[in-house]
Amino acid sequence: MAQTFEERLNQILPKICSDEFLDYKGLGNEIGFWIFDYPPEREMEMRDFLERTVLTNLNKSKPPIRAGVINLFDLVIQLLQERKLLDKAIEMQRIKGDEVVMAALRPVLKEDKLAEKVVSIVNLDNIDLLILRGVGSAYPMLRTHALLSALHPLMGRTPLLMFYPGRYDGYSLRLFNKLSEDHYYRAFRFVPEME
């Protein structure tokens, strides 16, 4: 029987707090990458639930769970600001359009550079879990499957949970339930629709 969005939301916190999730139990030699996919039209509810319920209560768990949280859109903006490219990119987009600005930014926003930035920001030695959000807002500036692939060799045994506005079936990511990305099969669905 299919679970409702609300039923799936209510399983997030208990699952994050479980020893099986935090200690990689039951994964064999697989990496601890998880994707919680959700209907894109529920984005605002997802953001609210993540802030008010999940992130607020992780610190209250016993023992407290230290989560590094990265908003991918904010990360892209930060990188462009650090390189003093944000205003130039906005102006270029206004004058020359999306395709030209995306081609110009590609070397700066390569997923391996973003992955290194993520790891340096969160300091993996000081967290129990990495949460990635802001996927939809960061599109098309970065590709999720390429970022996850770039993070594989860097994450060690720190679990990663990405909140994804679209569909992940265990084989491919479908952003906004419309845009098809390359196949990606190294993550697990965090809370499946069917039990």
N, C-alpha and C. Protein backbone atom coordinates (compact mmCIF):
# COMPACT_ATOMS: atom_id res chain seq x y z
N MET A 1 0.84 -1.18 0.00
CA MET A 1 0.00 0.00 0.00
C MET A 1 0.89 1.25 0.00
N ALA A 2 0.56 2.21 -0.82
CA ALA A 2 1.36 3.44 -0.94
C ALA A 2 1.19 4.30 0.31
N GLN A 3 2.30 4.89 0.72
CA GLN A 3 2.28 5.79 1.87
C GLN A 3 2.02 7.21 1.40
N THR A 4 1.38 7.98 2.23
CA THR A 4 1.17 9.39 1.91
C THR A 4 2.48 10.14 2.14
N PHE A 5 2.55 11.34 1.60
CA PHE A 5 3.71 12.22 1.81
C PHE A 5 3.93 12.44 3.30
N GLU A 6 2.86 12.69 4.03
CA GLU A 6 2.96 12.94 5.46
C GLU A 6 3.49 11.72 6.22
N GLU A 7 3.04 10.53 5.83
CA GLU A 7 3.53 9.31 6.46
C GLU A 7 5.02 9.13 6.21
N ARG A 8 5.44 9.44 5.00
CA ARG A 8 6.87 9.35 4.68
C ARG A 8 7.67 10.37 5.48
N LEU A 9 7.16 11.61 5.59
CA LEU A 9 7.85 12.64 6.38
C LEU A 9 8.06 12.18 7.81
N ASN A 10 7.04 11.58 8.39
CA ASN A 10 7.11 11.18 9.79
C ASN A 10 8.09 10.04 10.06
N GLN A 11 8.61 9.43 9.01
CA GLN A 11 9.61 8.37 9.19
C GLN A 11 11.04 8.90 9.12
N ILE A 12 11.21 10.16 8.69
CA ILE A 12 12.56 10.69 8.49
C ILE A 12 13.35 10.74 9.79
N LEU A 13 12.84 11.42 10.79
CA LEU A 13 13.59 11.61 12.03
C LEU A 13 13.91 10.29 12.73
N PRO A 14 12.94 9.38 12.91
CA PRO A 14 13.29 8.10 13.55
C PRO A 14 14.36 7.33 12.78
N LYS A 15 14.30 7.39 11.47
CA LYS A 15 15.28 6.66 10.67
C LYS A 15 16.67 7.28 10.80
N ILE A 16 16.75 8.63 10.77
CA ILE A 16 18.05 9.29 10.95
C ILE A 16 18.65 8.93 12.30
N CYS A 17 17.82 8.87 13.32
CA CYS A 17 18.29 8.61 14.69
C CYS A 17 18.61 7.15 14.96
N SER A 18 18.34 6.28 14.01
CA SER A 18 18.58 4.86 14.23
C SER A 18 20.06 4.51 14.09
N ASP A 19 20.48 3.53 14.89
CA ASP A 19 21.87 3.06 14.80
C ASP A 19 22.17 2.48 13.42
N GLU A 20 21.19 1.84 12.83
CA GLU A 20 21.39 1.24 11.51
C GLU A 20 21.80 2.29 10.48
N PHE A 21 21.17 3.47 10.55
CA PHE A 21 21.49 4.54 9.61
C PHE A 21 22.86 5.15 9.92
N LEU A 22 23.08 5.53 11.15
CA LEU A 22 24.31 6.23 11.52
C LEU A 22 25.55 5.34 11.47
N ASP A 23 25.37 4.03 11.67
CA ASP A 23 26.51 3.12 11.70
C ASP A 23 26.65 2.27 10.45
N TYR A 24 25.91 2.60 9.39
CA TYR A 24 26.02 1.87 8.12
C TYR A 24 25.60 0.42 8.24
N LYS A 25 24.81 0.06 9.22
CA LYS A 25 24.44 -1.34 9.39
C LYS A 25 23.54 -1.79 8.25
N GLY A 26 23.80 -3.00 7.78
CA GLY A 26 22.99 -3.58 6.73
C GLY A 26 23.33 -3.12 5.33
N LEU A 27 24.41 -2.34 5.17
CA LEU A 27 24.76 -1.85 3.84
C LEU A 27 25.86 -2.65 3.18
N GLY A 28 26.47 -3.58 3.90
CA GLY A 28 27.59 -4.32 3.32
C GLY A 28 28.72 -3.35 3.02
N ASN A 29 29.23 -3.40 1.82
CA ASN A 29 30.31 -2.49 1.42
C ASN A 29 29.80 -1.27 0.68
N GLU A 30 28.50 -1.07 0.66
CA GLU A 30 27.94 0.08 -0.05
C GLU A 30 28.18 1.37 0.70
N ILE A 31 28.16 2.45 -0.02
CA ILE A 31 28.31 3.77 0.60
C ILE A 31 26.99 4.17 1.23
N GLY A 32 27.05 4.98 2.25
CA GLY A 32 25.86 5.40 2.98
C GLY A 32 25.25 6.66 2.40
N PHE A 33 24.87 6.61 1.14
CA PHE A 33 24.21 7.73 0.48
C PHE A 33 22.73 7.41 0.35
N TRP A 34 21.91 8.36 0.80
CA TRP A 34 20.47 8.17 0.82
C TRP A 34 19.79 9.35 0.15
N ILE A 35 18.68 9.08 -0.51
CA ILE A 35 17.91 10.14 -1.16
C ILE A 35 16.46 10.05 -0.70
N PHE A 36 15.97 11.17 -0.16
CA PHE A 36 14.55 11.28 0.15
C PHE A 36 13.94 12.07 -0.98
N ASP A 37 13.24 11.37 -1.86
CA ASP A 37 12.58 12.06 -2.98
C ASP A 37 11.17 12.43 -2.56
N TYR A 38 10.70 13.52 -3.12
CA TYR A 38 9.37 14.02 -2.74
C TYR A 38 8.76 14.79 -3.90
N PRO A 39 7.44 14.92 -3.91
CA PRO A 39 6.79 15.65 -4.99
C PRO A 39 7.25 17.11 -5.01
N PRO A 40 7.72 17.61 -6.15
CA PRO A 40 8.22 18.98 -6.22
C PRO A 40 7.19 20.02 -5.78
N GLU A 41 5.92 19.74 -6.00
CA GLU A 41 4.89 20.70 -5.60
C GLU A 41 4.74 20.80 -4.08
N ARG A 42 5.40 19.90 -3.34
CA ARG A 42 5.37 19.94 -1.88
C ARG A 42 6.64 20.57 -1.30
N GLU A 43 7.37 21.31 -2.12
CA GLU A 43 8.65 21.90 -1.72
C GLU A 43 8.55 22.73 -0.45
N MET A 44 7.57 23.59 -0.36
CA MET A 44 7.48 24.47 0.81
C MET A 44 7.20 23.67 2.09
N GLU A 45 6.36 22.65 1.98
CA GLU A 45 6.10 21.78 3.13
C GLU A 45 7.37 21.02 3.54
N MET A 46 8.12 20.57 2.51
CA MET A 46 9.35 19.84 2.79
C MET A 46 10.34 20.73 3.52
N ARG A 47 10.52 21.95 3.04
CA ARG A 47 11.45 22.89 3.69
C ARG A 47 11.04 23.14 5.14
N ASP A 48 9.76 23.37 5.35
CA ASP A 48 9.25 23.65 6.69
C ASP A 48 9.47 22.45 7.61
N PHE A 49 9.15 21.27 7.13
CA PHE A 49 9.32 20.05 7.94
C PHE A 49 10.79 19.82 8.26
N LEU A 50 11.65 20.02 7.30
CA LEU A 50 13.08 19.83 7.52
C LEU A 50 13.59 20.79 8.61
N GLU A 51 13.19 22.06 8.51
CA GLU A 51 13.64 23.05 9.50
C GLU A 51 13.02 22.82 10.88
N ARG A 52 11.70 22.73 10.92
CA ARG A 52 10.99 22.70 12.21
C ARG A 52 11.05 21.36 12.92
N THR A 53 11.08 20.29 12.16
CA THR A 53 11.01 18.98 12.79
C THR A 53 12.37 18.27 12.80
N VAL A 54 12.94 18.10 11.63
CA VAL A 54 14.16 17.29 11.55
C VAL A 54 15.35 18.00 12.18
N LEU A 55 15.72 19.16 11.66
CA LEU A 55 16.93 19.83 12.14
C LEU A 55 16.82 20.27 13.59
N THR A 56 15.65 20.70 13.99
CA THR A 56 15.44 21.13 15.38
C THR A 56 15.59 19.97 16.35
N ASN A 57 15.12 18.81 15.96
CA ASN A 57 15.11 17.68 16.89
C ASN A 57 16.36 16.81 16.86
N LEU A 58 17.23 16.98 15.88
CA LEU A 58 18.46 16.19 15.87
C LEU A 58 19.32 16.50 17.09
N ASN A 59 19.37 17.76 17.48
CA ASN A 59 20.16 18.15 18.65
C ASN A 59 19.56 17.65 19.95
N LYS A 60 18.27 17.34 19.92
CA LYS A 60 17.58 16.87 21.13
C LYS A 60 17.66 15.36 21.31
N SER A 61 18.13 14.66 20.29
CA SER A 61 18.22 13.21 20.41
C SER A 61 19.30 12.85 21.42
N LYS A 62 19.25 11.64 21.91
CA LYS A 62 20.23 11.17 22.90
C LYS A 62 21.03 10.03 22.30
N PRO A 63 22.31 10.19 22.05
CA PRO A 63 23.07 11.44 22.11
C PRO A 63 22.68 12.35 20.94
N PRO A 64 23.00 13.64 21.05
CA PRO A 64 22.67 14.57 19.97
C PRO A 64 23.37 14.16 18.67
N ILE A 65 22.66 14.32 17.57
CA ILE A 65 23.23 14.01 16.27
C ILE A 65 23.71 15.31 15.64
N ARG A 66 24.98 15.32 15.29
CA ARG A 66 25.58 16.51 14.69
C ARG A 66 25.45 16.41 13.18
N ALA A 67 24.63 17.28 12.63
CA ALA A 67 24.40 17.26 11.18
C ALA A 67 25.05 18.46 10.53
N GLY A 68 25.77 18.22 9.45
CA GLY A 68 26.24 19.29 8.58
C GLY A 68 25.17 19.48 7.53
N VAL A 69 24.68 20.69 7.36
CA VAL A 69 23.59 20.94 6.42
C VAL A 69 24.09 21.91 5.35
N ILE A 70 23.98 21.50 4.10
CA ILE A 70 24.42 22.34 2.99
C ILE A 70 23.23 22.58 2.06
N ASN A 71 22.93 23.86 1.85
CA ASN A 71 21.96 24.25 0.83
C ASN A 71 22.77 24.45 -0.45
N LEU A 72 22.53 23.62 -1.44
CA LEU A 72 23.34 23.65 -2.66
C LEU A 72 23.24 24.96 -3.42
N PHE A 73 22.08 25.60 -3.40
CA PHE A 73 21.95 26.90 -4.05
C PHE A 73 22.82 27.94 -3.34
N ASP A 74 22.76 27.95 -2.01
CA ASP A 74 23.59 28.88 -1.25
C ASP A 74 25.07 28.60 -1.49
N LEU A 75 25.44 27.34 -1.63
CA LEU A 75 26.83 26.97 -1.90
C LEU A 75 27.30 27.55 -3.23
N VAL A 76 26.46 27.42 -4.26
CA VAL A 76 26.81 27.96 -5.58
C VAL A 76 26.98 29.48 -5.50
N ILE A 77 26.05 30.15 -4.85
CA ILE A 77 26.12 31.61 -4.71
C ILE A 77 27.39 32.00 -3.95
N GLN A 78 27.69 31.29 -2.87
CA GLN A 78 28.89 31.58 -2.08
C GLN A 78 30.15 31.43 -2.93
N LEU A 79 30.22 30.35 -3.71
CA LEU A 79 31.38 30.14 -4.56
C LEU A 79 31.54 31.27 -5.58
N LEU A 80 30.43 31.69 -6.18
CA LEU A 80 30.49 32.78 -7.16
C LEU A 80 30.89 34.09 -6.50
N GLN A 81 30.41 34.33 -5.30
CA GLN A 81 30.79 35.56 -4.58
C GLN A 81 32.27 35.54 -4.22
N GLU A 82 32.76 34.41 -3.75
CA GLU A 82 34.17 34.30 -3.39
C GLU A 82 35.07 34.59 -4.59
N ARG A 83 34.64 34.18 -5.76
CA ARG A 83 35.42 34.39 -6.97
C ARG A 83 35.10 35.72 -7.65
N LYS A 84 34.24 36.51 -6.99
CA LYS A 84 33.79 37.81 -7.51
C LYS A 84 33.16 37.69 -8.91
N LEU A 85 32.35 36.63 -9.05
CA LEU A 85 31.71 36.35 -10.35
C LEU A 85 30.19 36.49 -10.32
N LEU A 86 29.59 36.66 -9.17
CA LEU A 86 28.14 36.66 -9.09
C LEU A 86 27.53 37.80 -9.91
N ASP A 87 27.97 39.03 -9.66
CA ASP A 87 27.41 40.17 -10.40
C ASP A 87 27.69 40.06 -11.89
N LYS A 88 28.89 39.59 -12.24
CA LYS A 88 29.24 39.41 -13.66
C LYS A 88 28.34 38.36 -14.31
N ALA A 89 28.07 37.28 -13.57
CA ALA A 89 27.22 36.21 -14.11
C ALA A 89 25.80 36.71 -14.32
N ILE A 90 25.29 37.49 -13.38
CA ILE A 90 23.93 38.02 -13.51
C ILE A 90 23.84 38.94 -14.71
N GLU A 91 24.83 39.78 -14.88
CA GLU A 91 24.84 40.71 -16.03
C GLU A 91 24.98 39.94 -17.34
N MET A 92 25.85 38.94 -17.36
CA MET A 92 26.03 38.14 -18.57
C MET A 92 24.74 37.41 -18.93
N GLN A 93 24.06 36.90 -17.91
CA GLN A 93 22.80 36.19 -18.17
C GLN A 93 21.76 37.14 -18.75
N ARG A 94 21.72 38.36 -18.23
CA ARG A 94 20.75 39.36 -18.71
C ARG A 94 21.02 39.72 -20.17
N ILE A 95 22.28 39.88 -20.51
CA ILE A 95 22.64 40.33 -21.86
C ILE A 95 22.71 39.17 -22.86
N LYS A 96 23.34 38.06 -22.47
CA LYS A 96 23.62 36.99 -23.43
C LYS A 96 22.77 35.73 -23.27
N GLY A 97 22.07 35.62 -22.15
CA GLY A 97 21.17 34.48 -21.97
C GLY A 97 21.76 33.35 -21.14
N ASP A 98 20.87 32.39 -20.85
CA ASP A 98 21.20 31.28 -19.96
C ASP A 98 22.34 30.40 -20.48
N GLU A 99 22.28 30.02 -21.74
CA GLU A 99 23.27 29.08 -22.27
C GLU A 99 24.68 29.64 -22.19
N VAL A 100 24.85 30.90 -22.52
CA VAL A 100 26.17 31.51 -22.50
C VAL A 100 26.71 31.59 -21.08
N VAL A 101 25.87 32.03 -20.15
CA VAL A 101 26.35 32.14 -18.78
C VAL A 101 26.64 30.77 -18.17
N MET A 102 25.84 29.77 -18.48
CA MET A 102 26.09 28.43 -17.94
C MET A 102 27.40 27.87 -18.48
N ALA A 103 27.69 28.10 -19.76
CA ALA A 103 28.95 27.63 -20.34
C ALA A 103 30.13 28.35 -19.69
N ALA A 104 29.97 29.64 -19.41
CA ALA A 104 31.06 30.42 -18.80
C ALA A 104 31.30 29.98 -17.34
N LEU A 105 30.24 29.59 -16.64
CA LEU A 105 30.37 29.21 -15.24
C LEU A 105 30.78 27.75 -15.03
N ARG A 106 30.67 26.95 -16.06
CA ARG A 106 30.94 25.52 -15.93
C ARG A 106 32.28 25.21 -15.26
N PRO A 107 33.39 25.85 -15.65
CA PRO A 107 34.67 25.54 -14.98
C PRO A 107 34.68 25.88 -13.49
N VAL A 108 33.94 26.89 -13.09
CA VAL A 108 33.89 27.31 -11.69
C VAL A 108 33.01 26.37 -10.88
N LEU A 109 31.94 25.87 -11.50
CA LEU A 109 30.94 25.07 -10.78
C LEU A 109 31.07 23.57 -11.05
N LYS A 110 32.26 23.13 -11.41
CA LYS A 110 32.46 21.70 -11.62
C LYS A 110 32.17 20.96 -10.32
N GLU A 111 31.53 19.82 -10.45
CA GLU A 111 31.06 19.10 -9.28
C GLU A 111 32.18 18.65 -8.36
N ASP A 112 33.37 18.34 -8.91
CA ASP A 112 34.47 17.95 -8.02
C ASP A 112 34.90 19.12 -7.14
N LYS A 113 34.87 20.33 -7.67
CA LYS A 113 35.19 21.51 -6.86
C LYS A 113 34.11 21.75 -5.81
N LEU A 114 32.86 21.58 -6.20
CA LEU A 114 31.76 21.74 -5.24
C LEU A 114 31.84 20.69 -4.13
N ALA A 115 32.18 19.46 -4.49
CA ALA A 115 32.30 18.40 -3.50
C ALA A 115 33.39 18.73 -2.49
N GLU A 116 34.53 19.19 -2.96
CA GLU A 116 35.62 19.57 -2.06
C GLU A 116 35.19 20.72 -1.15
N LYS A 117 34.43 21.66 -1.69
CA LYS A 117 33.95 22.79 -0.90
C LYS A 117 32.99 22.30 0.18
N VAL A 118 32.09 21.40 -0.17
CA VAL A 118 31.14 20.83 0.79
C VAL A 118 31.90 20.21 1.96
N VAL A 119 32.87 19.37 1.66
CA VAL A 119 33.62 18.66 2.69
C VAL A 119 34.41 19.64 3.56
N SER A 120 34.94 20.69 2.95
CA SER A 120 35.71 21.66 3.76
C SER A 120 34.80 22.48 4.67
N ILE A 121 33.59 22.75 4.22
CA ILE A 121 32.65 23.53 5.04
C ILE A 121 32.18 22.74 6.25
N VAL A 122 31.81 21.48 6.05
CA VAL A 122 31.19 20.72 7.14
C VAL A 122 32.19 20.06 8.08
N ASN A 123 33.43 19.87 7.66
CA ASN A 123 34.43 19.19 8.47
C ASN A 123 33.90 17.82 8.92
N LEU A 124 34.10 16.83 8.11
CA LEU A 124 33.54 15.49 8.33
C LEU A 124 33.88 14.89 9.69
N ASP A 125 35.01 15.29 10.28
CA ASP A 125 35.39 14.74 11.58
C ASP A 125 34.47 15.22 12.70
N ASN A 126 33.72 16.28 12.45
CA ASN A 126 32.88 16.87 13.50
C ASN A 126 31.39 16.68 13.27
N ILE A 127 31.00 15.84 12.32
CA ILE A 127 29.57 15.61 12.08
C ILE A 127 29.28 14.11 12.04
N ASP A 128 28.01 13.79 12.28
CA ASP A 128 27.54 12.41 12.21
C ASP A 128 26.81 12.14 10.90
N LEU A 129 26.43 13.21 10.21
CA LEU A 129 25.56 13.10 9.05
C LEU A 129 25.69 14.37 8.21
N LEU A 130 25.68 14.21 6.89
CA LEU A 130 25.63 15.35 5.98
C LEU A 130 24.27 15.38 5.31
N ILE A 131 23.61 16.53 5.38
CA ILE A 131 22.31 16.72 4.72
C ILE A 131 22.49 17.72 3.59
N LEU A 132 22.07 17.33 2.39
CA LEU A 132 22.08 18.22 1.23
C LEU A 132 20.66 18.60 0.88
N ARG A 133 20.44 19.88 0.68
CA ARG A 133 19.12 20.38 0.28
C ARG A 133 19.33 21.49 -0.74
N GLY A 134 18.24 22.08 -1.24
CA GLY A 134 18.36 23.15 -2.23
C GLY A 134 18.69 22.64 -3.62
N VAL A 135 18.42 21.38 -3.88
CA VAL A 135 18.73 20.76 -5.17
C VAL A 135 17.98 21.46 -6.31
N GLY A 136 16.68 21.66 -6.13
CA GLY A 136 15.89 22.28 -7.18
C GLY A 136 16.30 23.70 -7.48
N SER A 137 16.64 24.45 -6.45
CA SER A 137 17.05 25.84 -6.63
C SER A 137 18.39 25.94 -7.35
N ALA A 138 19.25 24.95 -7.16
CA ALA A 138 20.59 24.97 -7.76
C ALA A 138 20.59 24.54 -9.23
N TYR A 139 19.50 23.96 -9.69
CA TYR A 139 19.42 23.53 -11.08
C TYR A 139 19.25 24.76 -11.98
N PRO A 140 19.90 24.87 -13.11
CA PRO A 140 20.79 23.91 -13.79
C PRO A 140 22.27 24.16 -13.53
N MET A 141 22.58 24.89 -12.48
CA MET A 141 23.98 25.23 -12.22
C MET A 141 24.81 24.03 -11.80
N LEU A 142 24.17 23.02 -11.22
CA LEU A 142 24.90 21.80 -10.91
C LEU A 142 24.01 20.60 -11.14
N ARG A 143 24.65 19.49 -11.40
CA ARG A 143 23.95 18.23 -11.64
C ARG A 143 24.14 17.32 -10.44
N THR A 144 23.04 16.89 -9.90
CA THR A 144 23.04 16.13 -8.66
C THR A 144 23.84 14.84 -8.78
N HIS A 145 23.61 14.08 -9.83
CA HIS A 145 24.30 12.79 -9.95
C HIS A 145 25.81 12.97 -10.01
N ALA A 146 26.28 14.03 -10.68
CA ALA A 146 27.72 14.28 -10.77
C ALA A 146 28.28 14.72 -9.42
N LEU A 147 27.53 15.52 -8.67
CA LEU A 147 27.98 15.93 -7.35
C LEU A 147 28.08 14.73 -6.42
N LEU A 148 27.07 13.87 -6.42
CA LEU A 148 27.12 12.68 -5.56
C LEU A 148 28.31 11.79 -5.93
N SER A 149 28.56 11.64 -7.21
CA SER A 149 29.72 10.84 -7.64
C SER A 149 31.02 11.46 -7.17
N ALA A 150 31.11 12.79 -7.21
CA ALA A 150 32.32 13.48 -6.75
C ALA A 150 32.48 13.38 -5.23
N LEU A 151 31.39 13.24 -4.51
CA LEU A 151 31.45 13.12 -3.05
C LEU A 151 31.84 11.72 -2.57
N HIS A 152 31.63 10.69 -3.41
CA HIS A 152 31.91 9.30 -3.00
C HIS A 152 33.28 9.14 -2.35
N PRO A 153 34.35 9.53 -3.02
CA PRO A 153 35.67 9.27 -2.42
C PRO A 153 36.00 10.17 -1.23
N LEU A 154 35.21 11.19 -0.99
CA LEU A 154 35.51 12.16 0.05
C LEU A 154 34.78 11.92 1.36
N MET A 155 33.67 11.21 1.34
CA MET A 155 32.78 11.13 2.50
C MET A 155 33.22 10.12 3.56
N GLY A 156 34.04 9.18 3.22
CA GLY A 156 34.41 8.16 4.21
C GLY A 156 33.18 7.41 4.68
N ARG A 157 33.00 7.30 6.00
CA ARG A 157 31.84 6.58 6.54
C ARG A 157 30.79 7.52 7.10
N THR A 158 30.81 8.76 6.67
CA THR A 158 29.77 9.71 7.11
C THR A 158 28.57 9.56 6.19
N PRO A 159 27.39 9.23 6.74
CA PRO A 159 26.21 9.09 5.91
C PRO A 159 25.80 10.44 5.28
N LEU A 160 25.25 10.36 4.10
CA LEU A 160 24.76 11.54 3.37
C LEU A 160 23.29 11.33 3.07
N LEU A 161 22.49 12.35 3.35
CA LEU A 161 21.06 12.32 3.04
C LEU A 161 20.72 13.54 2.20
N MET A 162 20.25 13.31 0.99
CA MET A 162 19.88 14.40 0.09
C MET A 162 18.36 14.45 -0.06
N PHE A 163 17.82 15.65 0.08
CA PHE A 163 16.39 15.86 -0.15
C PHE A 163 16.22 16.31 -1.59
N TYR A 164 15.40 15.55 -2.33
CA TYR A 164 15.36 15.66 -3.78
C TYR A 164 13.93 15.91 -4.29
N PRO A 165 13.68 17.09 -4.88
CA PRO A 165 12.34 17.40 -5.41
C PRO A 165 12.12 16.74 -6.77
N GLY A 166 11.65 15.54 -6.73
CA GLY A 166 11.45 14.78 -7.95
C GLY A 166 11.36 13.31 -7.61
N ARG A 167 11.88 12.49 -8.47
CA ARG A 167 11.74 11.04 -8.32
C ARG A 167 13.09 10.37 -8.39
N TYR A 168 13.33 9.48 -7.44
CA TYR A 168 14.50 8.60 -7.49
C TYR A 168 13.98 7.18 -7.34
N ASP A 169 14.26 6.36 -8.32
CA ASP A 169 13.75 4.99 -8.30
C ASP A 169 14.82 3.96 -7.96
N GLY A 170 15.98 4.45 -7.54
CA GLY A 170 17.08 3.54 -7.24
C GLY A 170 18.02 3.37 -8.42
N TYR A 171 17.64 3.89 -9.58
CA TYR A 171 18.46 3.78 -10.78
C TYR A 171 18.71 5.12 -11.46
N SER A 172 17.74 6.01 -11.37
CA SER A 172 17.92 7.31 -12.01
C SER A 172 17.18 8.39 -11.23
N LEU A 173 17.67 9.60 -11.41
CA LEU A 173 17.08 10.78 -10.77
C LEU A 173 16.28 11.53 -11.82
N ARG A 174 15.09 11.95 -11.44
CA ARG A 174 14.22 12.67 -12.35
C ARG A 174 13.78 13.96 -11.65
N LEU A 175 14.57 15.03 -11.84
CA LEU A 175 14.32 16.29 -11.17
C LEU A 175 12.99 16.87 -11.60
N PHE A 176 12.22 17.34 -10.62
CA PHE A 176 10.88 17.91 -10.83
C PHE A 176 9.93 16.92 -11.51
N ASN A 177 10.27 15.64 -11.47
CA ASN A 177 9.50 14.58 -12.15
C ASN A 177 9.42 14.78 -13.65
N LYS A 178 10.30 15.60 -14.20
CA LYS A 178 10.28 15.90 -15.62
C LYS A 178 11.65 15.74 -16.26
N LEU A 179 12.65 16.34 -15.66
CA LEU A 179 13.98 16.36 -16.25
C LEU A 179 14.71 15.08 -15.89
N SER A 180 15.19 14.41 -16.89
CA SER A 180 15.90 13.17 -16.66
C SER A 180 17.40 13.43 -16.60
N GLU A 181 18.02 12.96 -15.54
CA GLU A 181 19.47 13.08 -15.42
C GLU A 181 20.08 11.74 -15.79
N ASP A 182 21.39 11.69 -15.78
CA ASP A 182 22.06 10.41 -16.02
C ASP A 182 21.67 9.41 -14.94
N HIS A 183 21.88 8.16 -15.26
CA HIS A 183 21.56 7.12 -14.29
C HIS A 183 22.45 7.26 -13.06
N TYR A 184 21.85 7.00 -11.91
CA TYR A 184 22.60 7.03 -10.67
C TYR A 184 22.02 5.94 -9.78
N TYR A 185 22.84 5.00 -9.38
CA TYR A 185 22.31 3.85 -8.66
C TYR A 185 23.11 3.51 -7.40
N ARG A 186 23.90 4.47 -6.91
CA ARG A 186 24.72 4.17 -5.75
C ARG A 186 24.12 4.69 -4.45
N ALA A 187 22.92 5.21 -4.51
CA ALA A 187 22.24 5.68 -3.30
C ALA A 187 21.01 4.81 -3.05
N PHE A 188 20.56 4.85 -1.83
CA PHE A 188 19.35 4.12 -1.44
C PHE A 188 18.21 5.12 -1.28
N ARG A 189 17.00 4.67 -1.56
CA ARG A 189 15.84 5.52 -1.25
C ARG A 189 15.66 5.53 0.25
N PHE A 190 15.55 6.72 0.81
CA PHE A 190 15.53 6.85 2.27
C PHE A 190 14.23 6.32 2.87
N VAL A 191 13.11 6.74 2.35
CA VAL A 191 11.82 6.23 2.79
C VAL A 191 11.01 5.93 1.53
N PRO A 192 10.95 4.66 1.17
CA PRO A 192 10.19 4.29 -0.03
C PRO A 192 8.70 4.60 0.11
N GLU A 193 8.04 4.74 -1.01
CA GLU A 193 6.59 4.98 -0.99
C GLU A 193 5.82 3.74 -0.59
N MET A 194 6.39 2.59 -0.88
CA MET A 194 5.72 1.33 -0.58
C MET A 194 6.45 0.63 0.55
N GLU A 195 5.73 0.03 1.43
CA GLU A 195 6.35 -0.76 2.49
C GLU A 195 6.06 -2.23 2.27
